[in-house]
Amino acid sequence: MAEVELSWRDESLGARIRVALWLRDEVKEGGVFSKASIREAIKGAEQVDRRMRDLRPAGWVILTYRDKPSLQPDQLYLEKIGRPVWEPEHRAAGLRQISAKTRRYVYERDGHMCRRCGAAAGERYADDPGSRARLTLGHVNPHKSGGGNNAEDLITECARCNETVKHLTGVQMTKAQVWDRMKELPLQGKRHLLAWMKADFRPLSPAEKAWGLYRQLPAAAREELEGDLEKLMKS
């Protein structure tokens, strides 16, 4: 009996498998695509962007404009098709499960803020006001093979930092550029920074912790809290 060829149009398949099949059949190695085109093709599936990123640990090489300067910011490049995750023996390839309990603990431990850039959930980026931070979990050492899924192995990151750290590119600042920024800090700022370096941790102030907790709430709750705080300050 002939084996049935799987199709990315089959909605009974998981989103990760459908994305992989779509890349294989519609984009092919060396092809350029966009996240919008994936969402348009795989309609109704949850977190299609994340399912695409889940292919990278399985050997799929998908580059962004940070990796390949010829690309536009909204374009991606399929450099290499990795393991065939649509086949039963490869479906778990690259997947590392993080329990809901661990996920909650790490977010709370890190104040619901990106430990790399300090952005809170839904906060606008200062250098890109049109984009808002979306928090995810990354590994403390993303380049270490076989990284674990225990809380001590994980760190809260915004999606932008998560991508940049995993795929270091030419847009990363040089040591000299970072040093120039450090030298410009006032004396107290230099002291704080040195203490953070030695501890490899930036402690959050009570206001920053409250900000991180506030940002992870739904919009309606945030609006109510803003009004409550305004009333409290006026009383």
Foldseek 3Di string as FASTA:
>chain_A
DDDDDDALQPLVDALLLSLLRCCCPPANAFGKDFPVVSCVRNPPHPPSVVSPVLCVQQPWDKAACQAPVVDDRGMIHGHDRGDNCVDPVNVCRSDADADPVLVVVQCLVQLQAAQPPGFHAQPADPVGNVDGWHKDKAFPQNVDPPQHRHNVRIHIHTPVVRVCNNRPGPVDDDPVVVVVVLVPDPPVVVVQVVVCVVVVGRDDDPVSSVVNVLNVDDPVVNVVVVVVVVVVVVD
